[in-house]
Amino acid sequence: IRILKNIRSEMFVRNINSFLLNLQLNYTRI
């Protein structure tokens, strides 16, 4: 169960990082 939680949290962090990256890219485009 802990392993599953770790994988979920890792995916969550990756999603947030990619989202922030996209925000930065869009912001620099403007």
PDB file of N, CA and C in Angstrom:
ATOM      1  N   ILE A   1       0.851  -1.204   0.000  1.00  0.00           N
ATOM      2  CA  ILE A   1       0.000   0.000   0.000  1.00  0.00           C
ATOM      3  C   ILE A   1       0.887   1.256   0.000  1.00  0.00           C
ATOM      4  N   ARG A   2       1.940   1.236   0.791  1.00  0.00           N
ATOM      5  CA  ARG A   2       2.825   2.410   0.840  1.00  0.00           C
ATOM      6  C   ARG A   2       3.466   2.657  -0.523  1.00  0.00           C
ATOM      7  N   ILE A   3       3.814   1.568  -1.192  1.00  0.00           N
ATOM      8  CA  ILE A   3       4.436   1.724  -2.520  1.00  0.00           C
ATOM      9  C   ILE A   3       3.450   2.417  -3.460  1.00  0.00           C
ATOM     10  N   LEU A   4       2.191   1.974  -3.422  1.00  0.00           N
ATOM     11  CA  LEU A   4       1.182   2.600  -4.278  1.00  0.00           C
ATOM     12  C   LEU A   4       1.069   4.084  -3.945  1.00  0.00           C
ATOM     13  N   LYS A   5       1.051   4.387  -2.654  1.00  0.00           N
ATOM     14  CA  LYS A   5       0.947   5.795  -2.251  1.00  0.00           C
ATOM     15  C   LYS A   5       2.138   6.580  -2.779  1.00  0.00           C
ATOM     16  N   ASN A   6       3.318   5.993  -2.687  1.00  0.00           N
ATOM     17  CA  ASN A   6       4.519   6.686  -3.177  1.00  0.00           C
ATOM     18  C   ASN A   6       4.417   6.944  -4.680  1.00  0.00           C
ATOM     19  N   ILE A   7       3.972   5.943  -5.407  1.00  0.00           N
ATOM     20  CA  ILE A   7       3.837   6.108  -6.866  1.00  0.00           C
ATOM     21  C   ILE A   7       2.815   7.197  -7.162  1.00  0.00           C
ATOM     22  N   ARG A   8       1.712   7.196  -6.444  1.00  0.00           N
ATOM     23  CA  ARG A   8       0.687   8.223  -6.685  1.00  0.00           C
ATOM     24  C   ARG A   8       1.235   9.604  -6.383  1.00  0.00           C
ATOM     25  N   SER A   9       1.921   9.736  -5.264  1.00  0.00           N
ATOM     26  CA  SER A   9       2.475  11.043  -4.893  1.00  0.00           C
ATOM     27  C   SER A   9       3.510  11.478  -5.933  1.00  0.00           C
ATOM     28  N   GLU A  10       4.312  10.551  -6.409  1.00  0.00           N
ATOM     29  CA  GLU A  10       5.317  10.893  -7.415  1.00  0.00           C
ATOM     30  C   GLU A  10       4.641  11.385  -8.695  1.00  0.00           C
ATOM     31  N   MET A  11       3.606  10.674  -9.120  1.00  0.00           N
ATOM     32  CA  MET A  11       2.883  11.099 -10.320  1.00  0.00           C
ATOM     33  C   MET A  11       2.256  12.471 -10.082  1.00  0.00           C
ATOM     34  N   PHE A  12       1.724  12.670  -8.881  1.00  0.00           N
ATOM     35  CA  PHE A  12       1.106  13.961  -8.558  1.00  0.00           C
ATOM     36  C   PHE A  12       2.141  15.077  -8.652  1.00  0.00           C
ATOM     37  N   VAL A  13       3.305  14.832  -8.078  1.00  0.00           N
ATOM     38  CA  VAL A  13       4.377  15.845  -8.130  1.00  0.00           C
ATOM     39  C   VAL A  13       4.791  16.096  -9.574  1.00  0.00           C
ATOM     40  N   ARG A  14       4.886  15.038 -10.354  1.00  0.00           N
ATOM     41  CA  ARG A  14       5.275  15.208 -11.767  1.00  0.00           C
ATOM     42  C   ARG A  14       4.234  16.052 -12.498  1.00  0.00           C
ATOM     43  N   ASN A  15       2.961  15.777 -12.224  1.00  0.00           N
ATOM     44  CA  ASN A  15       1.906  16.559 -12.874  1.00  0.00           C
ATOM     45  C   ASN A  15       2.012  18.029 -12.500  1.00  0.00           C
ATOM     46  N   ILE A  16       2.258  18.296 -11.230  1.00  0.00           N
ATOM     47  CA  ILE A  16       2.388  19.686 -10.783  1.00  0.00           C
ATOM     48  C   ILE A  16       3.595  20.333 -11.446  1.00  0.00           C
ATOM     49  N   ASN A  17       4.703  19.611 -11.501  1.00  0.00           N
ATOM     50  CA  ASN A  17       5.909  20.163 -12.125  1.00  0.00           C
ATOM     51  C   ASN A  17       5.661  20.475 -13.596  1.00  0.00           C
ATOM     52  N   SER A  18       5.040  19.563 -14.313  1.00  0.00           N
ATOM     53  CA  SER A  18       4.760  19.804 -15.734  1.00  0.00           C
ATOM     54  C   SER A  18       3.792  20.978 -15.894  1.00  0.00           C
ATOM     55  N   PHE A  19       2.821  21.064 -14.988  1.00  0.00           N
ATOM     56  CA  PHE A  19       1.863  22.168 -15.050  1.00  0.00           C
ATOM     57  C   PHE A  19       2.588  23.498 -14.845  1.00  0.00           C
ATOM     58  N   LEU A  20       3.459  23.545 -13.840  1.00  0.00           N
ATOM     59  CA  LEU A  20       4.224  24.779 -13.582  1.00  0.00           C
ATOM     60  C   LEU A  20       5.125  25.096 -14.773  1.00  0.00           C
ATOM     61  N   LEU A  21       5.710  24.070 -15.356  1.00  0.00           N
ATOM     62  CA  LEU A  21       6.572  24.289 -16.521  1.00  0.00           C
ATOM     63  C   LEU A  21       5.766  24.896 -17.661  1.00  0.00           C
ATOM     64  N   ASN A  22       4.588  24.360 -17.914  1.00  0.00           N
ATOM     65  CA  ASN A  22       3.734  24.899 -18.970  1.00  0.00           C
ATOM     66  C   ASN A  22       3.352  26.340 -18.663  1.00  0.00           C
ATOM     67  N   LEU A  23       3.055  26.625 -17.397  1.00  0.00           N
ATOM     68  CA  LEU A  23       2.717  27.998 -17.014  1.00  0.00           C
ATOM     69  C   LEU A  23       3.893  28.914 -17.316  1.00  0.00           C
ATOM     70  N   GLN A  24       5.082  28.496 -16.949  1.00  0.00           N
ATOM     71  CA  GLN A  24       6.273  29.317 -17.198  1.00  0.00           C
ATOM     72  C   GLN A  24       6.451  29.551 -18.691  1.00  0.00           C
ATOM     73  N   LEU A  25       6.319  28.500 -19.483  1.00  0.00           N
ATOM     74  CA  LEU A  25       6.486  28.639 -20.932  1.00  0.00           C
ATOM     75  C   LEU A  25       5.445  29.607 -21.496  1.00  0.00           C
ATOM     76  N   ASN A  26       4.209  29.448 -21.084  1.00  0.00           N
ATOM     77  CA  ASN A  26       3.160  30.341 -21.583  1.00  0.00           C
ATOM     78  C   ASN A  26       3.408  31.772 -21.140  1.00  0.00           C
ATOM     79  N   TYR A  27       3.886  31.924 -19.925  1.00  0.00           N
ATOM     80  CA  TYR A  27       4.136  33.270 -19.406  1.00  0.00           C
ATOM     81  C   TYR A  27       5.274  33.940 -20.179  1.00  0.00           C
ATOM     82  N   THR A  28       6.310  33.181 -20.507  1.00  0.00           N
ATOM     83  CA  THR A  28       7.437  33.769 -21.238  1.00  0.00           C
ATOM     84  C   THR A  28       7.027  34.065 -22.678  1.00  0.00           C
ATOM     85  N   ARG A  29       6.058  33.344 -23.202  1.00  0.00           N
ATOM     86  CA  ARG A  29       5.608  33.598 -24.583  1.00  0.00           C
ATOM     87  C   ARG A  29       4.940  34.959 -24.679  1.00  0.00           C
ATOM     88  N   ILE A  30       4.158  35.291 -23.693  1.00  0.00           N
ATOM     89  CA  ILE A  30       3.405  36.556 -23.749  1.00  0.00           C
ATOM     90  C   ILE A  30       4.363  37.749 -23.780  1.00  0.00           C
TER      91      ILE A  30
END
